[in-house]
Amino acid sequence: MRRLFGALLSCAGLLLAQPVPSDPGVKKGSAIPAFTLQDQTGNPQSIQSLMGDRGLMLVFVRSADW
């Protein structure tokens, strides 16, 4: 049992030790790639269909209630 626990801790340590990308995501002020996602009712929503004359503020919220 101790060997199994030690092996699991070693694997977890290796996963956590992975380097973080130095350039994650889209840079401020740059154009985002076109994509389509489903909304909370299952209807597809594209960035182009949501964007208005002044642009778009898109906020992703992760909820434990889903």
Protein backbone atom coordinates (compact mmCIF):
# COMPACT_ATOMS: atom_id res chain seq x y z
CA MET A 1 0.00 0.00 0.00
CA ARG A 2 2.86 2.37 0.79
CA ARG A 3 4.46 1.64 -2.58
CA LEU A 4 1.24 2.46 -4.40
CA PHE A 5 0.83 5.68 -2.44
CA GLY A 6 4.45 6.63 -3.14
CA ALA A 7 4.04 5.93 -6.85
CA LEU A 8 0.89 8.06 -6.98
CA LEU A 9 2.65 10.92 -5.21
CA SER A 10 5.56 10.67 -7.65
CA CYS A 11 3.23 10.83 -10.65
CA ALA A 12 1.35 13.78 -9.16
CA GLY A 13 4.64 15.57 -8.56
CA LEU A 14 5.67 15.09 -12.17
CA LEU A 15 2.36 16.45 -13.42
CA LEU A 16 2.55 19.49 -11.19
CA ALA A 17 6.14 20.20 -12.17
CA GLN A 18 5.25 20.79 -15.83
CA PRO A 19 6.27 24.28 -17.01
CA VAL A 20 3.54 26.87 -17.52
CA PRO A 21 3.43 28.30 -21.05
CA SER A 22 4.96 31.77 -21.11
CA ASP A 23 2.41 33.02 -23.65
CA PRO A 24 -1.03 31.52 -22.88
CA GLY A 25 -4.10 32.83 -24.65
CA VAL A 26 -4.86 35.81 -26.82
CA LYS A 27 -3.03 39.08 -26.28
CA LYS A 28 -4.96 42.16 -25.18
CA GLY A 29 -6.19 44.15 -28.16
CA SER A 30 -5.71 41.38 -30.72
CA ALA A 31 -8.46 39.68 -32.69
CA ILE A 32 -9.70 36.37 -31.34
CA PRO A 33 -10.21 33.38 -33.63
CA ALA A 34 -13.75 32.71 -34.84
CA PHE A 35 -15.49 29.97 -32.88
CA THR A 36 -18.98 28.74 -32.03
CA LEU A 37 -20.11 27.36 -28.68
CA GLN A 38 -23.43 26.23 -27.26
CA ASP A 39 -25.23 28.48 -24.82
CA GLN A 40 -27.02 27.28 -21.68
CA THR A 41 -30.04 26.19 -23.74
CA GLY A 42 -27.97 24.25 -26.27
CA ASN A 43 -28.26 26.78 -29.11
CA PRO A 44 -25.06 27.51 -31.04
CA GLN A 45 -23.68 31.04 -30.56
CA SER A 46 -20.82 32.41 -32.65
CA ILE A 47 -18.63 35.35 -31.80
CA GLN A 48 -19.71 37.12 -34.99
CA SER A 49 -23.42 36.78 -34.10
CA LEU A 50 -22.85 38.28 -30.63
CA MET A 51 -20.49 41.11 -31.56
CA GLY A 52 -22.01 44.57 -31.80
CA ASP A 53 -20.77 47.91 -33.14
CA ARG A 54 -18.67 48.51 -30.03
CA GLY A 55 -17.27 44.99 -29.78
CA LEU A 56 -17.98 42.24 -27.29
CA MET A 57 -17.10 41.51 -23.69
CA LEU A 58 -17.08 37.75 -23.24
CA VAL A 59 -16.87 36.30 -19.74
CA PHE A 60 -16.49 32.58 -19.09
CA VAL A 61 -17.89 31.47 -15.73
CA ARG A 62 -17.21 28.08 -14.25
CA SER A 63 -19.99 26.95 -11.96
CA ALA A 64 -20.36 23.94 -9.72
CA ASP A 65 -24.14 24.11 -10.07
CA TRP A 66 -24.24 22.58 -13.55
